[in-house]
Amino acid sequence: MKRLFVAVLFAAALPCLGECITQWGYANDSKGPDNWYRLGPPPPNDWHVCKDGIAQSPIDINIANIPPGGLPELVFNNLQTTSFKLYNKGQELKVEEVTPAWTLTWNGQVWTLQNFHFHVPAEHTYGGQRYAGEIHFVFERGTQAVAVAVWIRQGTPANETLRKILAVKPQSCQNPPGHSAEPIRMSDFLLSPRRYASYRGSLTTPSCSENVTFVIQLAPITATAAQIQSLKLLPQLPLGNARPLQRIKWRNP
């Protein structure tokens, strides 16, 4: 009885550990992208849209289909953060609890940031070209979402904003999230708020729900090879944590 009591006290003192994604993955196996539709909960919340959907992401972006006059400007509140947390999910690095919250005003509507996360290499391609990485800033309004995608290309100098984020990177999905009080802004990632492509799409991870409008920034940010390597959690896979390209079908990106 005494041993059990000590063990319970010890367990209660442990810090809250991270959350590892294990139900699905990116390898070419039974949990990989071709099989995501099999792995979800029972209907009506199943993941069959991952296979049968008509507006799945990511896709190849074609510059020829972008209006020459540009699109409505993306307007962010551009508040400087006082804190954020970085989670290592095993499959991706995700920034959450950005305080104060960033908002996006676009097409007369206001959207609030829920998280932003990293894919290495990039998921969307640009005229067949694949960048070294891609960040998805997920803004929500009710049940709908706008995902602002920013490409990362390899180069120099080091990206100062990514340096602040990677400084608190948990080394494993079993570690608690990293916390930072370093200031960052949405404008750190946007080089041209009017130069983007937009299309109707989906989440690029299960459940693949088709309630997302993608806004793809055409001007990439730059990061060093070492920074991109640090963002990559699945170096053993050719496409890392990038979902394979999906069929465009009826869309015209």
C-alpha atoms as a PDB file:
ATOM      1  CA  MET A   1       0.000   0.000   0.000  1.00  0.00           C
ATOM      2  CA  LYS A   2       2.829   2.372   0.853  1.00  0.00           C
ATOM      3  CA  ARG A   3       4.555   1.712  -2.492  1.00  0.00           C
ATOM      4  CA  LEU A   4       1.314   2.391  -4.373  1.00  0.00           C
ATOM      5  CA  PHE A   5       0.825   5.695  -2.551  1.00  0.00           C
ATOM      6  CA  VAL A   6       4.329   6.850  -3.454  1.00  0.00           C
ATOM      7  CA  ALA A   7       3.823   5.842  -7.076  1.00  0.00           C
ATOM      8  CA  VAL A   8       0.578   7.810  -7.314  1.00  0.00           C
ATOM      9  CA  LEU A   9       2.243  10.912  -5.877  1.00  0.00           C
ATOM     10  CA  PHE A  10       5.102  10.583  -8.359  1.00  0.00           C
ATOM     11  CA  ALA A  11       2.713  10.229 -11.288  1.00  0.00           C
ATOM     12  CA  ALA A  12       0.731  13.267 -10.210  1.00  0.00           C
ATOM     13  CA  ALA A  13       3.923  15.341 -10.181  1.00  0.00           C
ATOM     14  CA  LEU A  14       4.830  14.519 -13.781  1.00  0.00           C
ATOM     15  CA  PRO A  15       4.413  17.328 -16.320  1.00  0.00           C
ATOM     16  CA  CYS A  16       1.739  17.110 -18.979  1.00  0.00           C
ATOM     17  CA  LEU A  17       3.326  15.347 -21.934  1.00  0.00           C
ATOM     18  CA  GLY A  18       2.728  15.979 -25.621  1.00  0.00           C
ATOM     19  CA  GLU A  19       0.268  14.309 -27.959  1.00  0.00           C
ATOM     20  CA  CYS A  20       1.629  11.955 -30.625  1.00  0.00           C
ATOM     21  CA  ILE A  21      -0.391  11.369 -33.806  1.00  0.00           C
ATOM     22  CA  THR A  22      -0.440   7.601 -34.326  1.00  0.00           C
ATOM     23  CA  GLN A  23      -3.822   6.863 -35.974  1.00  0.00           C
ATOM     24  CA  TRP A  24      -2.624   7.941 -39.431  1.00  0.00           C
ATOM     25  CA  GLY A  25       0.638   8.800 -41.143  1.00  0.00           C
ATOM     26  CA  TYR A  26       2.463   9.556 -44.376  1.00  0.00           C
ATOM     27  CA  ALA A  27       4.301   6.302 -45.105  1.00  0.00           C
ATOM     28  CA  ASN A  28       3.213   4.047 -47.959  1.00  0.00           C
ATOM     29  CA  ASP A  29       1.472   1.582 -45.656  1.00  0.00           C
ATOM     30  CA  SER A  30      -1.922   0.837 -44.080  1.00  0.00           C
ATOM     31  CA  LYS A  31      -1.920   4.218 -42.288  1.00  0.00           C
ATOM     32  CA  GLY A  32      -0.664   6.238 -45.266  1.00  0.00           C
ATOM     33  CA  PRO A  33      -2.532   8.826 -47.386  1.00  0.00           C
ATOM     34  CA  ASP A  34      -4.037   6.215 -49.732  1.00  0.00           C
ATOM     35  CA  ASN A  35      -5.723   4.605 -46.733  1.00  0.00           C
ATOM     36  CA  TRP A  36      -6.787   7.586 -44.627  1.00  0.00           C
ATOM     37  CA  TYR A  37     -10.393   7.082 -45.673  1.00  0.00           C
ATOM     38  CA  ARG A  38     -10.392   3.691 -43.939  1.00  0.00           C
ATOM     39  CA  LEU A  39      -9.154   4.940 -40.559  1.00  0.00           C
ATOM     40  CA  GLY A  40     -11.795   7.384 -39.361  1.00  0.00           C
ATOM     41  CA  PRO A  41     -14.767   7.042 -37.005  1.00  0.00           C
ATOM     42  CA  PRO A  42     -18.121   5.559 -38.059  1.00  0.00           C
ATOM     43  CA  PRO A  43     -20.449   7.555 -40.361  1.00  0.00           C
ATOM     44  CA  PRO A  44     -21.501  10.314 -40.527  1.00  0.00           C
ATOM     45  CA  ASN A  45     -18.134  11.548 -39.211  1.00  0.00           C
ATOM     46  CA  ASP A  46     -16.008   9.101 -41.188  1.00  0.00           C
ATOM     47  CA  TRP A  47     -13.050  10.080 -43.369  1.00  0.00           C
ATOM     48  CA  HIS A  48     -14.298   8.748 -46.725  1.00  0.00           C
ATOM     49  CA  VAL A  49     -14.106  12.254 -48.184  1.00  0.00           C
ATOM     50  CA  CYS A  50     -10.310  11.723 -48.193  1.00  0.00           C
ATOM     51  CA  LYS A  51     -10.965   9.335 -51.097  1.00  0.00           C
ATOM     52  CA  ASP A  52     -14.311  10.408 -52.544  1.00  0.00           C
ATOM     53  CA  GLY A  53     -14.213  14.202 -52.106  1.00  0.00           C
ATOM     54  CA  ILE A  54     -14.581  16.593 -55.030  1.00  0.00           C
ATOM     55  CA  ALA A  55     -12.415  19.434 -53.662  1.00  0.00           C
ATOM     56  CA  GLN A  56      -9.381  17.827 -52.049  1.00  0.00           C
ATOM     57  CA  SER A  57      -6.066  19.534 -51.301  1.00  0.00           C
ATOM     58  CA  PRO A  58      -3.213  20.044 -52.100  1.00  0.00           C
ATOM     59  CA  ILE A  59      -3.068  20.746 -55.838  1.00  0.00           C
ATOM     60  CA  ASP A  60      -0.719  22.317 -58.387  1.00  0.00           C
ATOM     61  CA  ILE A  61      -1.154  26.106 -58.641  1.00  0.00           C
ATOM     62  CA  ASN A  62      -1.119  27.532 -62.178  1.00  0.00           C
ATOM     63  CA  ILE A  63      -0.063  31.189 -62.487  1.00  0.00           C
ATOM     64  CA  ALA A  64      -1.944  31.487 -65.809  1.00  0.00           C
ATOM     65  CA  ASN A  65      -5.263  31.315 -63.962  1.00  0.00           C
ATOM     66  CA  ILE A  66      -4.583  34.219 -61.574  1.00  0.00           C
ATOM     67  CA  PRO A  67      -6.373  37.504 -62.500  1.00  0.00           C
ATOM     68  CA  PRO A  68      -3.811  40.017 -63.834  1.00  0.00           C
ATOM     69  CA  GLY A  69      -5.210  42.785 -61.618  1.00  0.00           C
ATOM     70  CA  GLY A  70      -4.717  40.723 -58.486  1.00  0.00           C
ATOM     71  CA  LEU A  71      -7.207  39.784 -55.786  1.00  0.00           C
ATOM     72  CA  PRO A  72      -8.589  41.654 -52.732  1.00  0.00           C
ATOM     73  CA  GLU A  73      -5.863  42.549 -50.254  1.00  0.00           C
ATOM     74  CA  LEU A  74      -5.403  40.316 -47.223  1.00  0.00           C
ATOM     75  CA  VAL A  75      -5.724  42.512 -44.132  1.00  0.00           C
ATOM     76  CA  PHE A  76      -4.396  41.237 -40.806  1.00  0.00           C
ATOM     77  CA  ASN A  77      -4.601  42.935 -37.428  1.00  0.00           C
ATOM     78  CA  ASN A  78      -0.817  42.324 -37.342  1.00  0.00           C
ATOM     79  CA  LEU A  79      -0.660  42.312 -33.559  1.00  0.00           C
ATOM     80  CA  GLN A  80       2.703  41.442 -32.053  1.00  0.00           C
ATOM     81  CA  THR A  81       2.516  38.273 -29.976  1.00  0.00           C
ATOM     82  CA  THR A  82       3.243  38.214 -26.289  1.00  0.00           C
ATOM     83  CA  SER A  83       3.322  34.417 -26.216  1.00  0.00           C
ATOM     84  CA  PHE A  84       2.776  31.265 -28.262  1.00  0.00           C
ATOM     85  CA  LYS A  85       3.222  27.511 -27.822  1.00  0.00           C
ATOM     86  CA  LEU A  86       4.905  25.089 -30.226  1.00  0.00           C
ATOM     87  CA  TYR A  87       3.712  21.480 -30.256  1.00  0.00           C
ATOM     88  CA  ASN A  88       5.563  18.538 -31.764  1.00  0.00           C
ATOM     89  CA  LYS A  89       2.819  16.150 -32.914  1.00  0.00           C
ATOM     90  CA  GLY A  90       5.187  13.572 -34.384  1.00  0.00           C
ATOM     91  CA  GLN A  91       3.770  14.229 -37.858  1.00  0.00           C
ATOM     92  CA  GLU A  92       4.029  18.039 -37.786  1.00  0.00           C
ATOM     93  CA  LEU A  93       5.107  21.076 -35.785  1.00  0.00           C
ATOM     94  CA  LYS A  94       2.107  23.214 -34.800  1.00  0.00           C
ATOM     95  CA  VAL A  95       1.969  26.681 -33.233  1.00  0.00           C
ATOM     96  CA  GLU A  96      -1.095  27.257 -31.059  1.00  0.00           C
ATOM     97  CA  GLU A  97      -2.299  29.661 -28.367  1.00  0.00           C
ATOM     98  CA  VAL A  98      -0.990  32.707 -30.218  1.00  0.00           C
ATOM     99  CA  THR A  99      -1.666  35.626 -27.865  1.00  0.00           C
ATOM    100  CA  PRO A 100      -3.113  38.075 -28.743  1.00  0.00           C
ATOM    101  CA  ALA A 101      -4.939  36.217 -31.516  1.00  0.00           C
ATOM    102  CA  TRP A 102      -4.324  37.259 -35.112  1.00  0.00           C
ATOM    103  CA  THR A 103      -7.320  38.002 -37.319  1.00  0.00           C
ATOM    104  CA  LEU A 104      -7.773  38.137 -41.091  1.00  0.00           C
ATOM    105  CA  THR A 105     -10.231  40.434 -42.861  1.00  0.00           C
ATOM    106  CA  TRP A 106     -10.929  39.228 -46.380  1.00  0.00           C
ATOM    107  CA  ASN A 107     -13.886  39.662 -48.717  1.00  0.00           C
ATOM    108  CA  GLY A 108     -15.743  41.596 -46.020  1.00  0.00           C
ATOM    109  CA  GLN A 109     -15.464  38.881 -43.364  1.00  0.00           C
ATOM    110  CA  VAL A 110     -13.286  38.532 -40.263  1.00  0.00           C
ATOM    111  CA  TRP A 111     -11.535  35.256 -39.488  1.00  0.00           C
ATOM    112  CA  THR A 112      -9.586  34.271 -36.330  1.00  0.00           C
ATOM    113  CA  LEU A 113      -6.342  32.286 -36.259  1.00  0.00           C
ATOM    114  CA  GLN A 114      -6.606  28.827 -34.699  1.00  0.00           C
ATOM    115  CA  ASN A 115      -3.087  27.550 -35.392  1.00  0.00           C
ATOM    116  CA  PHE A 116      -0.292  27.453 -37.913  1.00  0.00           C
ATOM    117  CA  HIS A 117       1.764  24.412 -38.814  1.00  0.00           C
ATOM    118  CA  PHE A 118       4.569  23.283 -41.114  1.00  0.00           C
ATOM    119  CA  HIS A 119       4.849  20.839 -44.015  1.00  0.00           C
ATOM    120  CA  VAL A 120       8.296  19.811 -45.303  1.00  0.00           C
ATOM    121  CA  PRO A 121       8.514  19.692 -48.262  1.00  0.00           C
ATOM    122  CA  ALA A 122       5.706  21.966 -49.498  1.00  0.00           C
ATOM    123  CA  GLU A 123       2.326  20.387 -50.250  1.00  0.00           C
ATOM    124  CA  HIS A 124       1.104  22.665 -53.049  1.00  0.00           C
ATOM    125  CA  THR A 125       3.283  22.914 -56.129  1.00  0.00           C
ATOM    126  CA  TYR A 126       3.662  25.990 -58.340  1.00  0.00           C
ATOM    127  CA  GLY A 127       3.630  25.183 -62.032  1.00  0.00           C
ATOM    128  CA  GLY A 128       5.066  21.778 -61.129  1.00  0.00           C
ATOM    129  CA  GLN A 129       7.746  23.200 -58.820  1.00  0.00           C
ATOM    130  CA  ARG A 130       7.805  22.083 -55.201  1.00  0.00           C
ATOM    131  CA  TYR A 131       9.290  24.415 -52.590  1.00  0.00           C
ATOM    132  CA  ALA A 132      11.303  23.235 -49.586  1.00  0.00           C
ATOM    133  CA  GLY A 133       8.452  23.868 -47.137  1.00  0.00           C
ATOM    134  CA  GLU A 134       5.002  25.327 -46.593  1.00  0.00           C
ATOM    135  CA  ILE A 135       3.252  26.948 -43.635  1.00  0.00           C
ATOM    136  CA  HIS A 136      -0.522  26.781 -43.201  1.00  0.00           C
ATOM    137  CA  PHE A 137      -2.130  29.561 -41.137  1.00  0.00           C
ATOM    138  CA  VAL A 138      -5.624  28.290 -40.317  1.00  0.00           C
ATOM    139  CA  PHE A 139      -8.193  31.047 -39.741  1.00  0.00           C
ATOM    140  CA  GLU A 140     -11.741  30.047 -38.800  1.00  0.00           C
ATOM    141  CA  ARG A 141     -15.175  31.639 -38.850  1.00  0.00           C
ATOM    142  CA  GLY A 142     -17.949  29.351 -37.664  1.00  0.00           C
ATOM    143  CA  THR A 143     -17.583  26.013 -39.456  1.00  0.00           C
ATOM    144  CA  GLN A 144     -15.577  27.468 -42.351  1.00  0.00           C
ATOM    145  CA  ALA A 145     -11.839  28.041 -42.606  1.00  0.00           C
ATOM    146  CA  VAL A 146      -9.387  30.076 -44.636  1.00  0.00           C
ATOM    147  CA  ALA A 147      -5.918  28.536 -44.849  1.00  0.00           C
ATOM    148  CA  VAL A 148      -3.244  31.058 -45.776  1.00  0.00           C
ATOM    149  CA  ALA A 149      -0.363  29.046 -47.233  1.00  0.00           C
ATOM    150  CA  VAL A 150       3.159  30.494 -47.309  1.00  0.00           C
ATOM    151  CA  TRP A 151       5.927  28.686 -49.184  1.00  0.00           C
ATOM    152  CA  ILE A 152       9.480  28.396 -47.831  1.00  0.00           C
ATOM    153  CA  ARG A 153      12.478  28.314 -50.148  1.00  0.00           C
ATOM    154  CA  GLN A 154      16.009  27.450 -49.120  1.00  0.00           C
ATOM    155  CA  GLY A 155      18.471  30.329 -48.976  1.00  0.00           C
ATOM    156  CA  THR A 156      20.244  32.829 -46.756  1.00  0.00           C
ATOM    157  CA  PRO A 157      20.255  34.623 -44.400  1.00  0.00           C
ATOM    158  CA  ALA A 158      18.536  32.696 -41.624  1.00  0.00           C
ATOM    159  CA  ASN A 159      14.875  33.551 -41.075  1.00  0.00           C
ATOM    160  CA  GLU A 160      14.628  35.446 -37.791  1.00  0.00           C
ATOM    161  CA  THR A 161      10.981  34.562 -37.121  1.00  0.00           C
ATOM    162  CA  LEU A 162      11.567  30.848 -37.705  1.00  0.00           C
ATOM    163  CA  ARG A 163      14.584  31.117 -35.381  1.00  0.00           C
ATOM    164  CA  LYS A 164      12.284  32.299 -32.579  1.00  0.00           C
ATOM    165  CA  ILE A 165       9.858  29.439 -33.227  1.00  0.00           C
ATOM    166  CA  LEU A 166      12.472  26.699 -33.537  1.00  0.00           C
ATOM    167  CA  ALA A 167      14.185  27.879 -30.335  1.00  0.00           C
ATOM    168  CA  VAL A 168      11.371  26.256 -28.328  1.00  0.00           C
ATOM    169  CA  LYS A 169      10.911  23.136 -30.478  1.00  0.00           C
ATOM    170  CA  PRO A 170      10.099  20.004 -28.418  1.00  0.00           C
ATOM    171  CA  GLN A 171      12.447  17.270 -29.583  1.00  0.00           C
ATOM    172  CA  SER A 172       9.751  14.594 -29.382  1.00  0.00           C
ATOM    173  CA  CYS A 173       5.977  14.335 -29.515  1.00  0.00           C
ATOM    174  CA  GLN A 174       6.236  12.933 -25.983  1.00  0.00           C
ATOM    175  CA  ASN A 175       7.616  16.228 -24.678  1.00  0.00           C
ATOM    176  CA  PRO A 176       5.392  19.063 -23.447  1.00  0.00           C
ATOM    177  CA  PRO A 177       4.950  22.019 -25.804  1.00  0.00           C
ATOM    178  CA  GLY A 178       7.573  24.713 -25.984  1.00  0.00           C
ATOM    179  CA  HIS A 179       6.506  28.143 -24.765  1.00  0.00           C
ATOM    180  CA  SER A 180       7.881  31.438 -26.055  1.00  0.00           C
ATOM    181  CA  ALA A 181       7.421  35.103 -25.170  1.00  0.00           C
ATOM    182  CA  GLU A 182       9.364  36.200 -28.271  1.00  0.00           C
ATOM    183  CA  PRO A 183       7.370  38.685 -30.393  1.00  0.00           C
ATOM    184  CA  ILE A 184       6.313  37.622 -33.892  1.00  0.00           C
ATOM    185  CA  ARG A 185       3.793  39.106 -36.349  1.00  0.00           C
ATOM    186  CA  MET A 186       1.748  37.753 -39.227  1.00  0.00           C
ATOM    187  CA  SER A 187       3.480  40.287 -41.478  1.00  0.00           C
ATOM    188  CA  ASP A 188       6.773  38.441 -40.826  1.00  0.00           C
ATOM    189  CA  PHE A 189       5.474  35.753 -43.197  1.00  0.00           C
ATOM    190  CA  LEU A 190       3.751  37.862 -45.881  1.00  0.00           C
ATOM    191  CA  LEU A 191       5.830  39.512 -48.564  1.00  0.00           C
ATOM    192  CA  SER A 192       2.977  40.488 -50.895  1.00  0.00           C
ATOM    193  CA  PRO A 193      -0.607  40.556 -49.433  1.00  0.00           C
ATOM    194  CA  ARG A 194      -2.171  41.113 -52.881  1.00  0.00           C
ATOM    195  CA  ARG A 195      -0.187  38.516 -54.834  1.00  0.00           C
ATOM    196  CA  TYR A 196      -1.821  35.191 -54.153  1.00  0.00           C
ATOM    197  CA  ALA A 197      -3.950  32.440 -55.655  1.00  0.00           C
ATOM    198  CA  SER A 198      -7.170  31.178 -54.081  1.00  0.00           C
ATOM    199  CA  TYR A 199      -9.272  28.062 -54.522  1.00  0.00           C
ATOM    200  CA  ARG A 200     -11.856  25.911 -52.768  1.00  0.00           C
ATOM    201  CA  GLY A 201     -10.194  22.952 -51.062  1.00  0.00           C
ATOM    202  CA  SER A 202      -9.939  20.756 -47.992  1.00  0.00           C
ATOM    203  CA  LEU A 203      -7.878  19.967 -44.951  1.00  0.00           C
ATOM    204  CA  THR A 204      -4.699  18.189 -46.106  1.00  0.00           C
ATOM    205  CA  THR A 205      -4.843  15.849 -43.106  1.00  0.00           C
ATOM    206  CA  PRO A 206      -7.671  13.602 -41.872  1.00  0.00           C
ATOM    207  CA  SER A 207     -10.598  14.256 -41.769  1.00  0.00           C
ATOM    208  CA  CYS A 208      -9.953  15.967 -45.168  1.00  0.00           C
ATOM    209  CA  SER A 209     -13.143  18.016 -44.682  1.00  0.00           C
ATOM    210  CA  GLU A 210     -13.974  20.294 -47.633  1.00  0.00           C
ATOM    211  CA  ASN A 211     -14.755  23.469 -45.680  1.00  0.00           C
ATOM    212  CA  VAL A 212     -11.476  25.242 -46.480  1.00  0.00           C
ATOM    213  CA  THR A 213     -10.630  28.073 -48.853  1.00  0.00           C
ATOM    214  CA  PHE A 214      -6.910  28.123 -49.577  1.00  0.00           C
ATOM    215  CA  VAL A 215      -5.090  31.410 -50.086  1.00  0.00           C
ATOM    216  CA  ILE A 216      -1.655  30.622 -51.539  1.00  0.00           C
ATOM    217  CA  GLN A 217       0.977  33.335 -51.191  1.00  0.00           C
ATOM    218  CA  LEU A 218       3.055  33.473 -54.383  1.00  0.00           C
ATOM    219  CA  ALA A 219       6.075  35.185 -52.771  1.00  0.00           C
ATOM    220  CA  PRO A 220       7.929  32.617 -50.621  1.00  0.00           C
ATOM    221  CA  ILE A 221       9.873  33.422 -47.478  1.00  0.00           C
ATOM    222  CA  THR A 222      13.473  32.219 -47.172  1.00  0.00           C
ATOM    223  CA  ALA A 223      15.031  29.907 -44.581  1.00  0.00           C
ATOM    224  CA  THR A 224      18.405  28.206 -44.327  1.00  0.00           C
ATOM    225  CA  ALA A 225      18.946  24.520 -44.982  1.00  0.00           C
ATOM    226  CA  ALA A 226      19.499  23.987 -41.237  1.00  0.00           C
ATOM    227  CA  GLN A 227      16.183  25.668 -40.366  1.00  0.00           C
ATOM    228  CA  ILE A 228      14.284  23.630 -42.953  1.00  0.00           C
ATOM    229  CA  GLN A 229      15.899  20.458 -41.651  1.00  0.00           C
ATOM    230  CA  SER A 230      14.757  21.365 -38.134  1.00  0.00           C
ATOM    231  CA  LEU A 231      11.179  21.826 -39.384  1.00  0.00           C
ATOM    232  CA  LYS A 232      11.232  18.380 -41.001  1.00  0.00           C
ATOM    233  CA  LEU A 233       9.928  15.664 -38.660  1.00  0.00           C
ATOM    234  CA  LEU A 234       9.793  12.774 -41.157  1.00  0.00           C
ATOM    235  CA  PRO A 235      13.153  12.860 -42.975  1.00  0.00           C
ATOM    236  CA  GLN A 236      12.970   9.152 -43.818  1.00  0.00           C
ATOM    237  CA  LEU A 237      10.018   9.692 -46.197  1.00  0.00           C
ATOM    238  CA  PRO A 238      10.484  11.126 -49.721  1.00  0.00           C
ATOM    239  CA  LEU A 239       7.529  13.513 -49.289  1.00  0.00           C
ATOM    240  CA  GLY A 240       7.959  14.006 -45.541  1.00  0.00           C
ATOM    241  CA  ASN A 241       4.616  15.193 -44.167  1.00  0.00           C
ATOM    242  CA  ALA A 242       3.290  16.459 -47.504  1.00  0.00           C
ATOM    243  CA  ARG A 243       0.100  14.836 -48.744  1.00  0.00           C
ATOM    244  CA  PRO A 244       0.398  13.801 -52.424  1.00  0.00           C
ATOM    245  CA  LEU A 245      -1.199  16.133 -54.986  1.00  0.00           C
ATOM    246  CA  GLN A 246      -4.933  15.674 -55.519  1.00  0.00           C
ATOM    247  CA  ARG A 247      -6.938  15.872 -58.729  1.00  0.00           C
ATOM    248  CA  ILE A 248      -8.085  19.401 -59.614  1.00  0.00           C
ATOM    249  CA  LYS A 249     -11.420  18.163 -61.022  1.00  0.00           C
ATOM    250  CA  TRP A 250     -13.817  21.111 -61.491  1.00  0.00           C
ATOM    251  CA  ARG A 251     -11.624  23.788 -59.910  1.00  0.00           C
ATOM    252  CA  ASN A 252      -9.634  26.495 -61.659  1.00  0.00           C
ATOM    253  CA  PRO A 253      -6.814  27.629 -59.332  1.00  0.00           C
END
